[in-house]
Amino acid sequence: MKVGPLLGMFLVIAAVVGTTGSALADHRRDWGDRDWVDEYRDGPCRVREVSDDGDYQKVIRCPDGRGKTWRRGRWEREFRDGPCRVRIEASREVYRKEVKCRGRDYD
């Protein structure tokens, strides 16, 4: 009995099982529920993400501006992304992004 075909079959099965297992593993939130809150740290910054029926908000707070990744100064930006309205506000310590979507049929 040759080892080559058996080894090839084993590698194919391992690849398929590995990709389906990682695709099914989502430990952060229940995708059946549209409302969720996620809080975590990104370096010295605290991040809070909230979703509620098509609305999304992300707030990043960096103490004394350390660890921030957005551009300097205080600024605001507002634009549309398809059916959603996106508003971004930033200052030295706080970055806030709000996405409000209306008129989507979720069911």
C-alpha atoms as a PDB file:
ATOM      1  CA  MET A   1       0.000   0.000   0.000  1.00  0.00           C
ATOM      2  CA  LYS A   2       1.387   3.375  -1.041  1.00  0.00           C
ATOM      3  CA  VAL A   3       1.451   6.220   1.466  1.00  0.00           C
ATOM      4  CA  GLY A   4       1.113   9.077  -1.075  1.00  0.00           C
ATOM      5  CA  PRO A   5      -2.623   8.755  -1.873  1.00  0.00           C
ATOM      6  CA  LEU A   6      -3.480   8.183   1.788  1.00  0.00           C
ATOM      7  CA  LEU A   7      -1.505  11.251   2.844  1.00  0.00           C
ATOM      8  CA  GLY A   8      -3.117  13.341   0.087  1.00  0.00           C
ATOM      9  CA  MET A   9      -6.605  12.256   1.200  1.00  0.00           C
ATOM     10  CA  PHE A  10      -5.752  13.105   4.812  1.00  0.00           C
ATOM     11  CA  LEU A  11      -4.560  16.615   3.829  1.00  0.00           C
ATOM     12  CA  VAL A  12      -7.734  17.288   1.819  1.00  0.00           C
ATOM     13  CA  ILE A  13      -9.970  16.195   4.720  1.00  0.00           C
ATOM     14  CA  ALA A  14      -7.945  18.269   7.217  1.00  0.00           C
ATOM     15  CA  ALA A  15      -8.187  21.365   5.002  1.00  0.00           C
ATOM     16  CA  VAL A  16     -11.964  21.028   4.569  1.00  0.00           C
ATOM     17  CA  VAL A  17     -12.605  20.421   8.274  1.00  0.00           C
ATOM     18  CA  GLY A  18     -10.281  23.277   9.261  1.00  0.00           C
ATOM     19  CA  THR A  19     -11.928  25.853   7.002  1.00  0.00           C
ATOM     20  CA  THR A  20     -15.498  24.933   7.926  1.00  0.00           C
ATOM     21  CA  GLY A  21     -14.657  24.943  11.629  1.00  0.00           C
ATOM     22  CA  SER A  22     -13.111  28.399  11.482  1.00  0.00           C
ATOM     23  CA  ALA A  23     -15.996  29.720   9.389  1.00  0.00           C
ATOM     24  CA  LEU A  24     -18.512  28.554  11.967  1.00  0.00           C
ATOM     25  CA  ALA A  25     -16.574  29.876  14.975  1.00  0.00           C
ATOM     26  CA  ASP A  26     -17.866  33.329  15.891  1.00  0.00           C
ATOM     27  CA  HIS A  27     -17.429  33.973  19.580  1.00  0.00           C
ATOM     28  CA  ARG A  28     -18.070  37.717  19.614  1.00  0.00           C
ATOM     29  CA  ARG A  29     -21.831  37.919  19.084  1.00  0.00           C
ATOM     30  CA  ASP A  30     -24.951  36.035  18.127  1.00  0.00           C
ATOM     31  CA  TRP A  31     -25.662  36.878  14.478  1.00  0.00           C
ATOM     32  CA  GLY A  32     -29.334  35.955  14.840  1.00  0.00           C
ATOM     33  CA  ASP A  33     -29.787  38.961  17.112  1.00  0.00           C
ATOM     34  CA  ARG A  34     -29.344  42.384  15.518  1.00  0.00           C
ATOM     35  CA  ASP A  35     -28.689  44.159  18.840  1.00  0.00           C
ATOM     36  CA  TRP A  36     -25.222  43.754  20.338  1.00  0.00           C
ATOM     37  CA  VAL A  37     -22.600  45.594  22.364  1.00  0.00           C
ATOM     38  CA  ASP A  38     -18.889  44.856  22.164  1.00  0.00           C
ATOM     39  CA  GLU A  39     -16.276  46.470  24.422  1.00  0.00           C
ATOM     40  CA  TYR A  40     -12.547  45.850  24.183  1.00  0.00           C
ATOM     41  CA  ARG A  41      -9.151  47.533  24.395  1.00  0.00           C
ATOM     42  CA  ASP A  42      -6.897  48.390  21.473  1.00  0.00           C
ATOM     43  CA  GLY A  43      -3.566  49.246  23.053  1.00  0.00           C
ATOM     44  CA  PRO A  44      -4.141  52.102  25.513  1.00  0.00           C
ATOM     45  CA  CYS A  45      -7.532  52.933  23.928  1.00  0.00           C
ATOM     46  CA  ARG A  46     -10.974  51.693  24.972  1.00  0.00           C
ATOM     47  CA  VAL A  47     -13.324  50.745  22.129  1.00  0.00           C
ATOM     48  CA  ARG A  48     -17.098  50.352  22.367  1.00  0.00           C
ATOM     49  CA  GLU A  49     -19.190  49.127  19.440  1.00  0.00           C
ATOM     50  CA  VAL A  50     -22.995  49.110  19.606  1.00  0.00           C
ATOM     51  CA  SER A  51     -25.486  47.902  17.005  1.00  0.00           C
ATOM     52  CA  ASP A  52     -29.245  48.332  17.230  1.00  0.00           C
ATOM     53  CA  ASP A  53     -31.578  47.488  14.299  1.00  0.00           C
ATOM     54  CA  GLY A  54     -29.447  48.844  11.468  1.00  0.00           C
ATOM     55  CA  ASP A  55     -27.817  51.602  13.517  1.00  0.00           C
ATOM     56  CA  TYR A  56     -24.158  51.215  14.404  1.00  0.00           C
ATOM     57  CA  GLN A  57     -21.946  53.273  16.679  1.00  0.00           C
ATOM     58  CA  LYS A  58     -18.234  52.962  17.397  1.00  0.00           C
ATOM     59  CA  VAL A  59     -16.543  55.091  20.053  1.00  0.00           C
ATOM     60  CA  ILE A  60     -12.786  54.993  20.659  1.00  0.00           C
ATOM     61  CA  ARG A  61     -11.403  56.786  23.714  1.00  0.00           C
ATOM     62  CA  CYS A  62      -7.649  57.213  24.020  1.00  0.00           C
ATOM     63  CA  PRO A  63      -6.389  58.813  27.246  1.00  0.00           C
ATOM     64  CA  ASP A  64      -4.409  61.959  26.456  1.00  0.00           C
ATOM     65  CA  GLY A  65      -4.431  61.057  22.739  1.00  0.00           C
ATOM     66  CA  ARG A  66      -1.919  58.204  23.152  1.00  0.00           C
ATOM     67  CA  GLY A  67      -2.428  55.369  20.666  1.00  0.00           C
ATOM     68  CA  LYS A  68      -4.873  57.179  18.401  1.00  0.00           C
ATOM     69  CA  THR A  69      -4.821  56.354  14.697  1.00  0.00           C
ATOM     70  CA  TRP A  70      -6.999  59.133  13.257  1.00  0.00           C
ATOM     71  CA  ARG A  71      -5.684  62.430  11.930  1.00  0.00           C
ATOM     72  CA  ARG A  72      -4.834  65.365  14.181  1.00  0.00           C
ATOM     73  CA  GLY A  73      -7.133  68.138  15.335  1.00  0.00           C
ATOM     74  CA  ARG A  74     -10.872  68.366  15.847  1.00  0.00           C
ATOM     75  CA  TRP A  75     -12.917  67.506  12.759  1.00  0.00           C
ATOM     76  CA  GLU A  76     -16.282  66.187  11.557  1.00  0.00           C
ATOM     77  CA  ARG A  77     -17.355  64.413   8.415  1.00  0.00           C
ATOM     78  CA  GLU A  78     -20.812  63.416   7.209  1.00  0.00           C
ATOM     79  CA  PHE A  79     -21.660  61.409   4.083  1.00  0.00           C
ATOM     80  CA  ARG A  80     -23.993  58.761   2.686  1.00  0.00           C
ATOM     81  CA  ASP A  81     -23.030  55.157   2.015  1.00  0.00           C
ATOM     82  CA  GLY A  82     -25.890  53.621   0.028  1.00  0.00           C
ATOM     83  CA  PRO A  83     -29.047  53.785   2.178  1.00  0.00           C
ATOM     84  CA  CYS A  84     -27.025  54.736   5.277  1.00  0.00           C
ATOM     85  CA  ARG A  85     -25.972  58.089   6.712  1.00  0.00           C
ATOM     86  CA  VAL A  86     -22.470  58.065   8.191  1.00  0.00           C
ATOM     87  CA  ARG A  87     -21.268  60.696  10.652  1.00  0.00           C
ATOM     88  CA  ILE A  88     -17.713  60.805  12.012  1.00  0.00           C
ATOM     89  CA  GLU A  89     -16.537  63.156  14.761  1.00  0.00           C
ATOM     90  CA  ALA A  90     -12.992  63.202  16.081  1.00  0.00           C
ATOM     91  CA  SER A  91     -10.975  65.113  18.610  1.00  0.00           C
ATOM     92  CA  ARG A  92      -7.669  64.495  20.334  1.00  0.00           C
ATOM     93  CA  GLU A  93      -9.016  61.830  22.706  1.00  0.00           C
ATOM     94  CA  VAL A  94     -12.326  60.623  21.189  1.00  0.00           C
ATOM     95  CA  TYR A  95     -13.275  59.167  17.788  1.00  0.00           C
ATOM     96  CA  ARG A  96     -17.004  58.603  17.241  1.00  0.00           C
ATOM     97  CA  LYS A  97     -18.546  56.976  14.168  1.00  0.00           C
ATOM     98  CA  GLU A  98     -22.315  56.632  13.759  1.00  0.00           C
ATOM     99  CA  VAL A  99     -24.022  54.786  10.921  1.00  0.00           C
ATOM    100  CA  LYS A 100     -27.802  55.103  10.622  1.00  0.00           C
ATOM    101  CA  CYS A 101     -29.572  52.952   8.073  1.00  0.00           C
ATOM    102  CA  ARG A 102     -33.257  53.321   7.335  1.00  0.00           C
ATOM    103  CA  GLY A 103     -35.572  51.487   5.011  1.00  0.00           C
ATOM    104  CA  ARG A 104     -33.857  48.105   5.098  1.00  0.00           C
ATOM    105  CA  ASP A 105     -35.986  44.966   5.245  1.00  0.00           C
ATOM    106  CA  TYR A 106     -34.241  42.671   7.719  1.00  0.00           C
ATOM    107  CA  ASP A 107     -36.841  39.893   7.893  1.00  0.00           C
END
